[in-house]
Amino acid sequence: MSQQLPGEHEPSPAPESAVRPAPEPVFNLPGFIVVLAAVLLLIHAARQWLLSPETDRWVILVFSFIPARWSGQMDGFWPMAEYWSPFSYSLLHGDWMHVMVNLLWLAAFGSPVATRLGPVRTTFLACIASLGGALAHWLAYQGELVPMIGASAVVSGFMGAATRFAFTGTRIRGKLNVHGPALSLWASLTNPGIVIFLLVWFALNALFGSGIVPMAGSAMPIAWQAHMGGFVAGLLLFPLFDRRQPA
């Protein structure tokens, strides 16, 4: 047994400030969301500052989604584009406002999904949502030659996917438990909070998309059918990418 020698003192406890947990960062985004946001910003910056207007128009024609391609009316113009354009259109935007609005919603709804699914499965979900948005847009505008661009269908897909687990009420230290059990489709569609959210979200998309309510800060038309297609794809197909059992 050790003895305390004269003149020695008991070690003083660590100051309270030394044992406090470090404050959480204001922006705690998953790496996947940071990389995707950087890609979207770099692509738009390159189009704005590096490409000539003629080259940028070529990019839009080749990589945007044009409904006429799926209707067989553009067979002589980049015929293979009908296969990649349902995905590549999500990487292009019309203006900086378009980019920034999508990045804001991407951070809000893509972050919990990416944290839960991981980068690989989140990438596949994003592709499915993009395809769902293209399909819905094609059903509404078959034969049209107007190109569609923007990541809104992907963001809407993340929103639909997050709906399956964000309304379960499970929280850790007051924050959403993104790894908690997911709701089944039936439980989701009969959850009062989700039903109200869906009604408000679909109504706002219809109002802004139809032009009844103008979108401040942007003169671009809103492809609201693509938003809905991406949302439905994320809502319905989320279990294919989620390893956890529904509640």
C-alpha atoms as a PDB file:
ATOM      1  CA  MET A   1       0.000   0.000   0.000  1.00  0.00           C
ATOM      2  CA  SER A   2       1.485   3.376  -1.003  1.00  0.00           C
ATOM      3  CA  GLN A   3       1.700   6.233   1.445  1.00  0.00           C
ATOM      4  CA  GLN A   4       1.369   9.906   0.765  1.00  0.00           C
ATOM      5  CA  LEU A   5       4.658  11.670   1.533  1.00  0.00           C
ATOM      6  CA  PRO A   6       4.727  14.943   3.412  1.00  0.00           C
ATOM      7  CA  GLY A   7       4.256  17.889   1.133  1.00  0.00           C
ATOM      8  CA  GLU A   8       2.401  15.891  -1.477  1.00  0.00           C
ATOM      9  CA  HIS A   9      -1.123  16.842  -2.347  1.00  0.00           C
ATOM     10  CA  GLU A  10      -4.060  14.921  -3.676  1.00  0.00           C
ATOM     11  CA  PRO A  11      -4.412  15.409  -7.465  1.00  0.00           C
ATOM     12  CA  SER A  12      -7.005  18.047  -8.150  1.00  0.00           C
ATOM     13  CA  PRO A  13      -9.962  17.008 -10.277  1.00  0.00           C
ATOM     14  CA  ALA A  14      -9.967  18.028 -13.896  1.00  0.00           C
ATOM     15  CA  PRO A  15     -11.746  21.301 -14.488  1.00  0.00           C
ATOM     16  CA  GLU A  16     -15.302  20.976 -15.658  1.00  0.00           C
ATOM     17  CA  SER A  17     -14.500  22.551 -19.007  1.00  0.00           C
ATOM     18  CA  ALA A  18     -11.953  19.780 -19.702  1.00  0.00           C
ATOM     19  CA  VAL A  19     -14.514  16.992 -19.500  1.00  0.00           C
ATOM     20  CA  ARG A  20     -17.309  18.631 -21.417  1.00  0.00           C
ATOM     21  CA  PRO A  21     -18.107  16.967 -24.734  1.00  0.00           C
ATOM     22  CA  ALA A  22     -17.026  18.897 -27.761  1.00  0.00           C
ATOM     23  CA  PRO A  23     -19.854  20.833 -29.390  1.00  0.00           C
ATOM     24  CA  GLU A  24     -21.298  19.213 -32.471  1.00  0.00           C
ATOM     25  CA  PRO A  25     -20.542  20.929 -35.776  1.00  0.00           C
ATOM     26  CA  VAL A  26     -23.247  23.133 -37.222  1.00  0.00           C
ATOM     27  CA  PHE A  27     -23.089  21.273 -40.548  1.00  0.00           C
ATOM     28  CA  ASN A  28     -22.672  17.548 -39.989  1.00  0.00           C
ATOM     29  CA  LEU A  29     -23.194  16.221 -43.505  1.00  0.00           C
ATOM     30  CA  PRO A  30     -22.353  12.677 -44.624  1.00  0.00           C
ATOM     31  CA  GLY A  31     -19.430  12.384 -47.013  1.00  0.00           C
ATOM     32  CA  PHE A  32     -21.712  11.181 -49.807  1.00  0.00           C
ATOM     33  CA  ILE A  33     -23.809  14.354 -49.613  1.00  0.00           C
ATOM     34  CA  VAL A  34     -20.701  16.558 -49.552  1.00  0.00           C
ATOM     35  CA  VAL A  35     -19.274  14.815 -52.626  1.00  0.00           C
ATOM     36  CA  LEU A  36     -22.583  14.947 -54.512  1.00  0.00           C
ATOM     37  CA  ALA A  37     -23.014  18.643 -53.696  1.00  0.00           C
ATOM     38  CA  ALA A  38     -19.465  19.340 -54.888  1.00  0.00           C
ATOM     39  CA  VAL A  39     -20.093  17.462 -58.147  1.00  0.00           C
ATOM     40  CA  LEU A  40     -23.276  19.441 -58.830  1.00  0.00           C
ATOM     41  CA  LEU A  41     -21.524  22.737 -58.100  1.00  0.00           C
ATOM     42  CA  LEU A  42     -18.494  21.886 -60.237  1.00  0.00           C
ATOM     43  CA  ILE A  43     -20.613  20.798 -63.194  1.00  0.00           C
ATOM     44  CA  HIS A  44     -22.670  23.974 -63.123  1.00  0.00           C
ATOM     45  CA  ALA A  45     -19.598  26.164 -62.624  1.00  0.00           C
ATOM     46  CA  ALA A  46     -17.874  24.498 -65.586  1.00  0.00           C
ATOM     47  CA  ARG A  47     -20.913  25.065 -67.780  1.00  0.00           C
ATOM     48  CA  GLN A  48     -21.174  28.701 -66.733  1.00  0.00           C
ATOM     49  CA  TRP A  49     -17.508  29.709 -66.850  1.00  0.00           C
ATOM     50  CA  LEU A  50     -15.635  27.271 -69.084  1.00  0.00           C
ATOM     51  CA  LEU A  51     -17.977  26.204 -71.878  1.00  0.00           C
ATOM     52  CA  SER A  52     -19.011  28.323 -74.807  1.00  0.00           C
ATOM     53  CA  PRO A  53     -22.755  28.864 -75.307  1.00  0.00           C
ATOM     54  CA  GLU A  54     -22.691  26.477 -78.273  1.00  0.00           C
ATOM     55  CA  THR A  55     -20.954  23.732 -76.286  1.00  0.00           C
ATOM     56  CA  ASP A  56     -23.320  24.221 -73.361  1.00  0.00           C
ATOM     57  CA  ARG A  57     -26.317  23.838 -75.669  1.00  0.00           C
ATOM     58  CA  TRP A  58     -24.783  20.585 -76.918  1.00  0.00           C
ATOM     59  CA  VAL A  59     -24.426  19.386 -73.313  1.00  0.00           C
ATOM     60  CA  ILE A  60     -28.088  20.163 -72.656  1.00  0.00           C
ATOM     61  CA  LEU A  61     -29.248  18.372 -75.800  1.00  0.00           C
ATOM     62  CA  VAL A  62     -27.169  15.268 -75.125  1.00  0.00           C
ATOM     63  CA  PHE A  63     -27.483  14.890 -71.351  1.00  0.00           C
ATOM     64  CA  SER A  64     -30.885  16.389 -70.480  1.00  0.00           C
ATOM     65  CA  PHE A  65     -34.016  14.264 -70.470  1.00  0.00           C
ATOM     66  CA  ILE A  66     -36.159  15.006 -73.524  1.00  0.00           C
ATOM     67  CA  PRO A  67     -39.490  13.116 -73.589  1.00  0.00           C
ATOM     68  CA  ALA A  68     -39.412  12.882 -77.393  1.00  0.00           C
ATOM     69  CA  ARG A  69     -36.469  10.482 -77.129  1.00  0.00           C
ATOM     70  CA  TRP A  70     -38.644   7.868 -75.461  1.00  0.00           C
ATOM     71  CA  SER A  71     -41.392   8.521 -77.994  1.00  0.00           C
ATOM     72  CA  GLY A  72     -39.142   7.654 -80.940  1.00  0.00           C
ATOM     73  CA  GLN A  73     -39.014  11.183 -82.357  1.00  0.00           C
ATOM     74  CA  MET A  74     -35.258  11.755 -81.992  1.00  0.00           C
ATOM     75  CA  ASP A  75     -33.881   8.508 -83.388  1.00  0.00           C
ATOM     76  CA  GLY A  76     -31.308  10.272 -85.545  1.00  0.00           C
ATOM     77  CA  PHE A  77     -29.864  12.426 -82.749  1.00  0.00           C
ATOM     78  CA  TRP A  78     -27.609  10.631 -80.267  1.00  0.00           C
ATOM     79  CA  PRO A  79     -29.806   7.505 -80.116  1.00  0.00           C
ATOM     80  CA  MET A  80     -27.973   6.075 -77.091  1.00  0.00           C
ATOM     81  CA  ALA A  81     -28.874   9.166 -75.066  1.00  0.00           C
ATOM     82  CA  GLU A  82     -32.244   7.606 -74.319  1.00  0.00           C
ATOM     83  CA  TYR A  83     -30.413   5.244 -71.970  1.00  0.00           C
ATOM     84  CA  TRP A  84     -28.208   7.660 -70.034  1.00  0.00           C
ATOM     85  CA  SER A  85     -30.328  10.831 -70.104  1.00  0.00           C
ATOM     86  CA  PRO A  86     -32.868   9.532 -67.501  1.00  0.00           C
ATOM     87  CA  PHE A  87     -29.946   9.736 -65.058  1.00  0.00           C
ATOM     88  CA  SER A  88     -27.605  12.426 -66.408  1.00  0.00           C
ATOM     89  CA  TYR A  89     -30.289  15.149 -66.423  1.00  0.00           C
ATOM     90  CA  SER A  90     -30.109  15.159 -62.620  1.00  0.00           C
ATOM     91  CA  LEU A  91     -26.560  16.517 -62.758  1.00  0.00           C
ATOM     92  CA  LEU A  92     -27.490  19.643 -64.746  1.00  0.00           C
ATOM     93  CA  HIS A  93     -29.227  22.824 -63.584  1.00  0.00           C
ATOM     94  CA  GLY A  94     -30.666  25.904 -65.206  1.00  0.00           C
ATOM     95  CA  ASP A  95     -29.182  28.614 -62.976  1.00  0.00           C
ATOM     96  CA  TRP A  96     -27.462  29.133 -59.643  1.00  0.00           C
ATOM     97  CA  MET A  97     -30.759  29.522 -57.808  1.00  0.00           C
ATOM     98  CA  HIS A  98     -31.813  26.135 -59.166  1.00  0.00           C
ATOM     99  CA  VAL A  99     -28.576  24.577 -57.894  1.00  0.00           C
ATOM    100  CA  MET A 100     -28.670  26.163 -54.440  1.00  0.00           C
ATOM    101  CA  VAL A 101     -32.302  25.292 -53.739  1.00  0.00           C
ATOM    102  CA  ASN A 102     -31.647  21.663 -54.629  1.00  0.00           C
ATOM    103  CA  LEU A 103     -28.504  21.601 -52.474  1.00  0.00           C
ATOM    104  CA  LEU A 104     -30.463  22.958 -49.519  1.00  0.00           C
ATOM    105  CA  TRP A 105     -33.087  20.220 -49.784  1.00  0.00           C
ATOM    106  CA  LEU A 106     -30.380  17.657 -50.525  1.00  0.00           C
ATOM    107  CA  ALA A 107     -28.679  18.479 -47.228  1.00  0.00           C
ATOM    108  CA  ALA A 108     -31.968  18.328 -45.324  1.00  0.00           C
ATOM    109  CA  PHE A 109     -33.385  15.071 -46.692  1.00  0.00           C
ATOM    110  CA  GLY A 110     -30.416  13.363 -48.290  1.00  0.00           C
ATOM    111  CA  SER A 111     -28.307  13.443 -45.125  1.00  0.00           C
ATOM    112  CA  PRO A 112     -30.453  11.099 -42.983  1.00  0.00           C
ATOM    113  CA  VAL A 113     -30.903   8.721 -45.915  1.00  0.00           C
ATOM    114  CA  ALA A 114     -27.178   8.638 -46.709  1.00  0.00           C
ATOM    115  CA  THR A 115     -26.328   8.137 -43.032  1.00  0.00           C
ATOM    116  CA  ARG A 116     -28.701   5.192 -42.843  1.00  0.00           C
ATOM    117  CA  LEU A 117     -27.974   3.500 -46.172  1.00  0.00           C
ATOM    118  CA  GLY A 118     -24.326   4.311 -46.807  1.00  0.00           C
ATOM    119  CA  PRO A 119     -22.866   5.688 -50.056  1.00  0.00           C
ATOM    120  CA  VAL A 120     -23.350   2.678 -52.344  1.00  0.00           C
ATOM    121  CA  ARG A 121     -27.016   2.014 -51.617  1.00  0.00           C
ATOM    122  CA  THR A 122     -27.743   5.745 -51.533  1.00  0.00           C
ATOM    123  CA  THR A 123     -26.268   6.030 -55.027  1.00  0.00           C
ATOM    124  CA  PHE A 124     -28.559   3.287 -56.322  1.00  0.00           C
ATOM    125  CA  LEU A 125     -31.559   4.910 -54.637  1.00  0.00           C
ATOM    126  CA  ALA A 126     -30.654   8.233 -56.266  1.00  0.00           C
ATOM    127  CA  CYS A 127     -30.536   6.547 -59.689  1.00  0.00           C
ATOM    128  CA  ILE A 128     -33.921   4.925 -59.127  1.00  0.00           C
ATOM    129  CA  ALA A 129     -35.433   8.249 -58.047  1.00  0.00           C
ATOM    130  CA  SER A 130     -33.957   9.954 -61.104  1.00  0.00           C
ATOM    131  CA  LEU A 131     -35.429   7.263 -63.344  1.00  0.00           C
ATOM    132  CA  GLY A 132     -38.796   7.567 -61.581  1.00  0.00           C
ATOM    133  CA  GLY A 133     -38.782  11.308 -62.168  1.00  0.00           C
ATOM    134  CA  ALA A 134     -37.976  10.846 -65.855  1.00  0.00           C
ATOM    135  CA  LEU A 135     -40.751   8.280 -66.253  1.00  0.00           C
ATOM    136  CA  ALA A 136     -43.341  10.533 -64.613  1.00  0.00           C
ATOM    137  CA  HIS A 137     -42.218  13.473 -66.755  1.00  0.00           C
ATOM    138  CA  TRP A 138     -42.427  11.369 -69.912  1.00  0.00           C
ATOM    139  CA  LEU A 139     -45.943  10.195 -69.043  1.00  0.00           C
ATOM    140  CA  ALA A 140     -47.018  13.827 -68.716  1.00  0.00           C
ATOM    141  CA  TYR A 141     -45.181  15.199 -71.778  1.00  0.00           C
ATOM    142  CA  GLN A 142     -44.878  12.389 -74.310  1.00  0.00           C
ATOM    143  CA  GLY A 143     -43.415  13.659 -77.567  1.00  0.00           C
ATOM    144  CA  GLU A 144     -42.349  17.037 -76.146  1.00  0.00           C
ATOM    145  CA  LEU A 145     -38.972  18.422 -77.227  1.00  0.00           C
ATOM    146  CA  VAL A 146     -38.420  20.624 -74.162  1.00  0.00           C
ATOM    147  CA  PRO A 147     -35.460  19.294 -72.118  1.00  0.00           C
ATOM    148  CA  MET A 148     -35.729  18.621 -68.394  1.00  0.00           C
ATOM    149  CA  ILE A 149     -32.776  19.115 -66.040  1.00  0.00           C
ATOM    150  CA  GLY A 150     -32.223  19.287 -62.286  1.00  0.00           C
ATOM    151  CA  ALA A 151     -31.667  17.076 -59.253  1.00  0.00           C
ATOM    152  CA  SER A 152     -35.145  17.716 -57.860  1.00  0.00           C
ATOM    153  CA  ALA A 153     -36.389  14.194 -58.607  1.00  0.00           C
ATOM    154  CA  VAL A 154     -33.421  12.723 -56.725  1.00  0.00           C
ATOM    155  CA  VAL A 155     -33.989  15.061 -53.781  1.00  0.00           C
ATOM    156  CA  SER A 156     -37.680  14.151 -53.816  1.00  0.00           C
ATOM    157  CA  GLY A 157     -36.711  10.484 -53.818  1.00  0.00           C
ATOM    158  CA  PHE A 158     -34.619  11.036 -50.691  1.00  0.00           C
ATOM    159  CA  MET A 159     -37.570  12.845 -49.158  1.00  0.00           C
ATOM    160  CA  GLY A 160     -39.865   9.908 -49.907  1.00  0.00           C
ATOM    161  CA  ALA A 161     -37.339   7.450 -48.490  1.00  0.00           C
ATOM    162  CA  ALA A 162     -36.846   9.511 -45.320  1.00  0.00           C
ATOM    163  CA  THR A 163     -40.598   9.507 -44.804  1.00  0.00           C
ATOM    164  CA  ARG A 164     -40.408   5.768 -44.077  1.00  0.00           C
ATOM    165  CA  PHE A 165     -38.293   6.242 -40.920  1.00  0.00           C
ATOM    166  CA  ALA A 166     -38.449   9.936 -39.953  1.00  0.00           C
ATOM    167  CA  PHE A 167     -41.978   9.698 -38.509  1.00  0.00           C
ATOM    168  CA  THR A 168     -41.433   6.711 -36.196  1.00  0.00           C
ATOM    169  CA  GLY A 169     -40.831   8.951 -33.190  1.00  0.00           C
ATOM    170  CA  THR A 170     -37.579   7.225 -32.186  1.00  0.00           C
ATOM    171  CA  ARG A 171     -34.950   9.723 -31.059  1.00  0.00           C
ATOM    172  CA  ILE A 172     -31.531   9.682 -29.427  1.00  0.00           C
ATOM    173  CA  ARG A 173     -30.677  12.669 -27.219  1.00  0.00           C
ATOM    174  CA  GLY A 174     -33.515  14.581 -28.799  1.00  0.00           C
ATOM    175  CA  LYS A 175     -32.368  13.929 -32.372  1.00  0.00           C
ATOM    176  CA  LEU A 176     -33.846  11.728 -35.063  1.00  0.00           C
ATOM    177  CA  ASN A 177     -32.616   8.147 -34.817  1.00  0.00           C
ATOM    178  CA  VAL A 178     -31.817   7.502 -38.468  1.00  0.00           C
ATOM    179  CA  HIS A 179     -30.986   3.871 -37.693  1.00  0.00           C
ATOM    180  CA  GLY A 180     -34.314   3.120 -36.024  1.00  0.00           C
ATOM    181  CA  PRO A 181     -36.977   0.803 -37.454  1.00  0.00           C
ATOM    182  CA  ALA A 182     -38.692   1.843 -40.675  1.00  0.00           C
ATOM    183  CA  LEU A 183     -42.435   1.910 -41.164  1.00  0.00           C
ATOM    184  CA  SER A 184     -44.126  -0.482 -43.539  1.00  0.00           C
ATOM    185  CA  LEU A 185     -45.857   1.061 -46.531  1.00  0.00           C
ATOM    186  CA  TRP A 186     -49.282   0.525 -44.955  1.00  0.00           C
ATOM    187  CA  ALA A 187     -48.151   2.029 -41.645  1.00  0.00           C
ATOM    188  CA  SER A 188     -46.707   4.987 -43.543  1.00  0.00           C
ATOM    189  CA  LEU A 189     -49.889   5.656 -45.492  1.00  0.00           C
ATOM    190  CA  THR A 190     -52.038   5.440 -42.355  1.00  0.00           C
ATOM    191  CA  ASN A 191     -49.762   7.587 -40.173  1.00  0.00           C
ATOM    192  CA  PRO A 192     -51.564  10.938 -39.641  1.00  0.00           C
ATOM    193  CA  GLY A 193     -48.324  12.930 -39.658  1.00  0.00           C
ATOM    194  CA  ILE A 194     -47.169  11.355 -42.909  1.00  0.00           C
ATOM    195  CA  VAL A 195     -50.578  11.776 -44.553  1.00  0.00           C
ATOM    196  CA  ILE A 196     -50.623  15.495 -43.725  1.00  0.00           C
ATOM    197  CA  PHE A 197     -47.036  15.858 -44.944  1.00  0.00           C
ATOM    198  CA  LEU A 198     -47.864  14.099 -48.225  1.00  0.00           C
ATOM    199  CA  LEU A 199     -50.973  16.194 -48.854  1.00  0.00           C
ATOM    200  CA  VAL A 200     -49.131  19.460 -48.215  1.00  0.00           C
ATOM    201  CA  TRP A 201     -46.102  18.419 -50.287  1.00  0.00           C
ATOM    202  CA  PHE A 202     -48.119  17.252 -53.295  1.00  0.00           C
ATOM    203  CA  ALA A 203     -50.362  20.339 -53.113  1.00  0.00           C
ATOM    204  CA  LEU A 204     -47.381  22.714 -53.054  1.00  0.00           C
ATOM    205  CA  ASN A 205     -45.789  20.942 -56.008  1.00  0.00           C
ATOM    206  CA  ALA A 206     -49.013  21.178 -57.992  1.00  0.00           C
ATOM    207  CA  LEU A 207     -49.456  24.870 -57.146  1.00  0.00           C
ATOM    208  CA  PHE A 208     -45.891  25.895 -57.986  1.00  0.00           C
ATOM    209  CA  GLY A 209     -45.647  23.565 -60.967  1.00  0.00           C
ATOM    210  CA  SER A 210     -48.881  24.752 -62.550  1.00  0.00           C
ATOM    211  CA  GLY A 211     -47.861  28.391 -62.198  1.00  0.00           C
ATOM    212  CA  ILE A 212     -50.801  29.262 -59.946  1.00  0.00           C
ATOM    213  CA  VAL A 213     -48.238  30.277 -57.314  1.00  0.00           C
ATOM    214  CA  PRO A 214     -45.073  31.786 -58.878  1.00  0.00           C
ATOM    215  CA  MET A 215     -41.680  30.557 -57.678  1.00  0.00           C
ATOM    216  CA  ALA A 216     -39.760  33.516 -56.268  1.00  0.00           C
ATOM    217  CA  GLY A 217     -36.219  34.003 -57.537  1.00  0.00           C
ATOM    218  CA  SER A 218     -36.448  31.723 -60.567  1.00  0.00           C
ATOM    219  CA  ALA A 219     -38.145  32.062 -63.926  1.00  0.00           C
ATOM    220  CA  MET A 220     -37.660  28.389 -64.796  1.00  0.00           C
ATOM    221  CA  PRO A 221     -40.759  26.181 -65.012  1.00  0.00           C
ATOM    222  CA  ILE A 222     -40.977  23.470 -62.367  1.00  0.00           C
ATOM    223  CA  ALA A 223     -41.178  19.854 -63.532  1.00  0.00           C
ATOM    224  CA  TRP A 224     -43.507  18.928 -60.697  1.00  0.00           C
ATOM    225  CA  GLN A 225     -44.445  15.582 -62.237  1.00  0.00           C
ATOM    226  CA  ALA A 226     -40.779  14.563 -62.012  1.00  0.00           C
ATOM    227  CA  HIS A 227     -40.748  15.591 -58.348  1.00  0.00           C
ATOM    228  CA  MET A 228     -43.708  13.338 -57.686  1.00  0.00           C
ATOM    229  CA  GLY A 229     -42.208  10.475 -59.678  1.00  0.00           C
ATOM    230  CA  GLY A 230     -38.986  10.655 -57.695  1.00  0.00           C
ATOM    231  CA  PHE A 231     -40.855  10.908 -54.397  1.00  0.00           C
ATOM    232  CA  VAL A 232     -43.060   7.901 -55.116  1.00  0.00           C
ATOM    233  CA  ALA A 233     -40.022   5.885 -56.214  1.00  0.00           C
ATOM    234  CA  GLY A 234     -38.213   6.679 -52.973  1.00  0.00           C
ATOM    235  CA  LEU A 235     -41.268   6.001 -50.837  1.00  0.00           C
ATOM    236  CA  LEU A 236     -42.157   2.669 -52.446  1.00  0.00           C
ATOM    237  CA  LEU A 237     -38.698   1.249 -53.157  1.00  0.00           C
ATOM    238  CA  PHE A 238     -36.860   2.325 -50.008  1.00  0.00           C
ATOM    239  CA  PRO A 239     -37.110  -1.192 -48.440  1.00  0.00           C
ATOM    240  CA  LEU A 240     -35.091  -2.626 -51.347  1.00  0.00           C
ATOM    241  CA  PHE A 241     -32.087  -0.639 -50.136  1.00  0.00           C
ATOM    242  CA  ASP A 242     -32.696  -0.805 -46.382  1.00  0.00           C
ATOM    243  CA  ARG A 243     -31.402  -3.783 -44.409  1.00  0.00           C
ATOM    244  CA  ARG A 244     -33.558  -3.112 -41.371  1.00  0.00           C
ATOM    245  CA  GLN A 245     -36.943  -4.725 -40.887  1.00  0.00           C
ATOM    246  CA  PRO A 246     -39.997  -2.436 -41.005  1.00  0.00           C
ATOM    247  CA  ALA A 247     -41.746  -1.634 -37.763  1.00  0.00           C
END
